[in-house]
Amino acid sequence: MSWVKLDDRIFLNPKFRAKEATTDARMLYLAGLTFSAQAESDGAILANDLSLVLAYARISGPDAAVAALVKLGLWERAADGYQIHDYLEYNPSRAELFDKRRIASE
């Protein structure tokens, strides 16, 4: 099991309070965070994985939600999908998790 860090004041964040931050967009953002932690993708959501993240979020308007996250700066477009903005500033990288597990097993 892995964990993702989430600010306990996320709903006070101006990006989350903006009119574009619909319930669907918020759910997609949270689903993206948990997916990235589970997949140890360093905040990347590849195009091939987007359908799974959308399924996690169980939202009705995926195109609008994705567009909202990009507009709000919560997700950034990447060559192969999307990147969660500042993911590695608050969460350990895949390499750090690997090193921690290696040290624990020794």
C-alpha atoms as a PDB file:
ATOM      1  CA  MET A   1       0.000   0.000   0.000  1.00  0.00           C
ATOM      2  CA  SER A   2       1.217   3.479  -0.804  1.00  0.00           C
ATOM      3  CA  TRP A   3       0.194   6.919   0.348  1.00  0.00           C
ATOM      4  CA  VAL A   4      -0.210  10.297  -1.282  1.00  0.00           C
ATOM      5  CA  LYS A   5       0.113  13.601   0.519  1.00  0.00           C
ATOM      6  CA  LEU A   6      -2.905  15.849   0.312  1.00  0.00           C
ATOM      7  CA  ASP A   7      -3.119  19.297   1.876  1.00  0.00           C
ATOM      8  CA  ASP A   8      -5.892  19.310   4.472  1.00  0.00           C
ATOM      9  CA  ARG A   9      -6.797  22.785   3.209  1.00  0.00           C
ATOM     10  CA  ILE A  10      -7.183  21.719  -0.419  1.00  0.00           C
ATOM     11  CA  PHE A  11     -10.775  22.944  -0.541  1.00  0.00           C
ATOM     12  CA  LEU A  12      -9.572  26.424   0.473  1.00  0.00           C
ATOM     13  CA  ASN A  13      -6.998  26.501  -2.345  1.00  0.00           C
ATOM     14  CA  PRO A  14      -7.969  29.165  -4.918  1.00  0.00           C
ATOM     15  CA  LYS A  15      -7.530  26.647  -7.743  1.00  0.00           C
ATOM     16  CA  PHE A  16     -10.004  24.291  -6.070  1.00  0.00           C
ATOM     17  CA  ARG A  17     -12.407  27.151  -5.328  1.00  0.00           C
ATOM     18  CA  ALA A  18     -12.446  28.481  -8.893  1.00  0.00           C
ATOM     19  CA  LYS A  19     -15.662  28.089 -10.871  1.00  0.00           C
ATOM     20  CA  GLU A  20     -13.849  25.736 -13.280  1.00  0.00           C
ATOM     21  CA  ALA A  21     -13.143  23.365 -10.371  1.00  0.00           C
ATOM     22  CA  THR A  22     -16.341  21.423 -10.834  1.00  0.00           C
ATOM     23  CA  THR A  23     -17.093  18.329  -8.800  1.00  0.00           C
ATOM     24  CA  ASP A  24     -15.971  16.227 -11.777  1.00  0.00           C
ATOM     25  CA  ALA A  25     -12.671  18.106 -12.032  1.00  0.00           C
ATOM     26  CA  ARG A  26     -12.048  17.763  -8.303  1.00  0.00           C
ATOM     27  CA  MET A  27     -12.788  14.036  -8.375  1.00  0.00           C
ATOM     28  CA  LEU A  28     -10.498  13.593 -11.358  1.00  0.00           C
ATOM     29  CA  TYR A  29      -7.695  15.459  -9.585  1.00  0.00           C
ATOM     30  CA  LEU A  30      -8.018  13.270  -6.494  1.00  0.00           C
ATOM     31  CA  ALA A  31      -8.214  10.118  -8.633  1.00  0.00           C
ATOM     32  CA  GLY A  32      -5.086  11.216 -10.477  1.00  0.00           C
ATOM     33  CA  LEU A  33      -3.200  11.698  -7.218  1.00  0.00           C
ATOM     34  CA  THR A  34      -4.134   8.283  -5.878  1.00  0.00           C
ATOM     35  CA  PHE A  35      -3.427   6.581  -9.210  1.00  0.00           C
ATOM     36  CA  SER A  36       0.005   8.180  -9.425  1.00  0.00           C
ATOM     37  CA  ALA A  37       0.902   7.110  -5.896  1.00  0.00           C
ATOM     38  CA  GLN A  38      -0.276   3.556  -6.534  1.00  0.00           C
ATOM     39  CA  ALA A  39       1.475   3.304  -9.916  1.00  0.00           C
ATOM     40  CA  GLU A  40       4.566   5.130  -8.620  1.00  0.00           C
ATOM     41  CA  SER A  41       4.495   7.232 -11.772  1.00  0.00           C
ATOM     42  CA  ASP A  42       6.039  10.388 -10.249  1.00  0.00           C
ATOM     43  CA  GLY A  43       2.857  12.313 -11.024  1.00  0.00           C
ATOM     44  CA  ALA A  44       2.656  11.265 -14.660  1.00  0.00           C
ATOM     45  CA  ILE A  45      -0.648  10.101 -16.074  1.00  0.00           C
ATOM     46  CA  LEU A  46       0.089   8.531 -19.427  1.00  0.00           C
ATOM     47  CA  ALA A  47      -2.492   8.696 -22.185  1.00  0.00           C
ATOM     48  CA  ASN A  48      -2.900   4.907 -21.911  1.00  0.00           C
ATOM     49  CA  ASP A  49      -3.698   5.237 -18.199  1.00  0.00           C
ATOM     50  CA  LEU A  50      -6.152   8.117 -18.457  1.00  0.00           C
ATOM     51  CA  SER A  51      -9.158   5.836 -18.977  1.00  0.00           C
ATOM     52  CA  LEU A  52      -8.334   4.027 -15.718  1.00  0.00           C
ATOM     53  CA  VAL A  53      -8.031   7.318 -13.822  1.00  0.00           C
ATOM     54  CA  LEU A  54     -11.348   8.431 -15.312  1.00  0.00           C
ATOM     55  CA  ALA A  55     -12.896   5.161 -14.139  1.00  0.00           C
ATOM     56  CA  TYR A  56     -11.546   5.774 -10.622  1.00  0.00           C
ATOM     57  CA  ALA A  57     -13.171   9.225 -10.629  1.00  0.00           C
ATOM     58  CA  ARG A  58     -16.518   7.946 -11.997  1.00  0.00           C
ATOM     59  CA  ILE A  59     -17.275  11.242 -13.662  1.00  0.00           C
ATOM     60  CA  SER A  60     -19.729  12.097 -16.401  1.00  0.00           C
ATOM     61  CA  GLY A  61     -17.788  14.712 -18.379  1.00  0.00           C
ATOM     62  CA  PRO A  62     -14.183  13.612 -18.739  1.00  0.00           C
ATOM     63  CA  ASP A  63     -13.184  16.046 -21.502  1.00  0.00           C
ATOM     64  CA  ALA A  64     -14.409  19.073 -19.563  1.00  0.00           C
ATOM     65  CA  ALA A  65     -12.821  17.850 -16.327  1.00  0.00           C
ATOM     66  CA  VAL A  66      -9.428  17.274 -17.959  1.00  0.00           C
ATOM     67  CA  ALA A  67      -9.590  20.684 -19.648  1.00  0.00           C
ATOM     68  CA  ALA A  68     -10.464  22.316 -16.319  1.00  0.00           C
ATOM     69  CA  LEU A  69      -7.499  20.738 -14.537  1.00  0.00           C
ATOM     70  CA  VAL A  70      -5.143  21.940 -17.254  1.00  0.00           C
ATOM     71  CA  LYS A  71      -6.682  25.438 -17.221  1.00  0.00           C
ATOM     72  CA  LEU A  72      -6.381  25.614 -13.430  1.00  0.00           C
ATOM     73  CA  GLY A  73      -2.735  24.524 -13.558  1.00  0.00           C
ATOM     74  CA  LEU A  74      -3.358  21.383 -11.507  1.00  0.00           C
ATOM     75  CA  TRP A  75      -2.373  19.172 -14.452  1.00  0.00           C
ATOM     76  CA  GLU A  76       0.120  20.007 -17.172  1.00  0.00           C
ATOM     77  CA  ARG A  77       0.084  18.585 -20.672  1.00  0.00           C
ATOM     78  CA  ALA A  78       2.994  16.250 -21.380  1.00  0.00           C
ATOM     79  CA  ALA A  79       4.140  14.581 -24.573  1.00  0.00           C
ATOM     80  CA  ASP A  80       2.700  11.244 -23.454  1.00  0.00           C
ATOM     81  CA  GLY A  81      -0.290  12.385 -21.361  1.00  0.00           C
ATOM     82  CA  TYR A  82      -0.430  14.658 -18.317  1.00  0.00           C
ATOM     83  CA  GLN A  83       1.738  15.579 -15.333  1.00  0.00           C
ATOM     84  CA  ILE A  84       0.290  16.491 -11.948  1.00  0.00           C
ATOM     85  CA  HIS A  85       1.695  19.922 -11.105  1.00  0.00           C
ATOM     86  CA  ASP A  86       4.255  19.829  -8.258  1.00  0.00           C
ATOM     87  CA  TYR A  87       3.585  16.147  -7.512  1.00  0.00           C
ATOM     88  CA  LEU A  88       7.221  15.443  -6.613  1.00  0.00           C
ATOM     89  CA  GLU A  89       7.452  18.526  -4.406  1.00  0.00           C
ATOM     90  CA  TYR A  90       5.134  16.849  -1.911  1.00  0.00           C
ATOM     91  CA  ASN A  91       5.396  13.130  -2.638  1.00  0.00           C
ATOM     92  CA  PRO A  92       8.364  10.772  -2.818  1.00  0.00           C
ATOM     93  CA  SER A  93       9.641   9.763  -6.222  1.00  0.00           C
ATOM     94  CA  ARG A  94       9.618   6.189  -7.473  1.00  0.00           C
ATOM     95  CA  ALA A  95      13.398   6.072  -6.924  1.00  0.00           C
ATOM     96  CA  GLU A  96      13.035   7.265  -3.319  1.00  0.00           C
ATOM     97  CA  LEU A  97      10.375   4.627  -2.633  1.00  0.00           C
ATOM     98  CA  PHE A  98      12.604   1.938  -4.166  1.00  0.00           C
ATOM     99  CA  ASP A  99      15.563   3.010  -2.002  1.00  0.00           C
ATOM    100  CA  LYS A 100      13.394   3.056   1.127  1.00  0.00           C
ATOM    101  CA  ARG A 101      12.164  -0.487   0.422  1.00  0.00           C
ATOM    102  CA  ARG A 102      15.687  -1.688  -0.335  1.00  0.00           C
ATOM    103  CA  ILE A 103      17.020  -0.272   2.934  1.00  0.00           C
ATOM    104  CA  ALA A 104      14.114  -1.749   4.900  1.00  0.00           C
ATOM    105  CA  SER A 105      14.743  -5.186   3.430  1.00  0.00           C
ATOM    106  CA  GLU A 106      18.459  -5.194   4.280  1.00  0.00           C
END
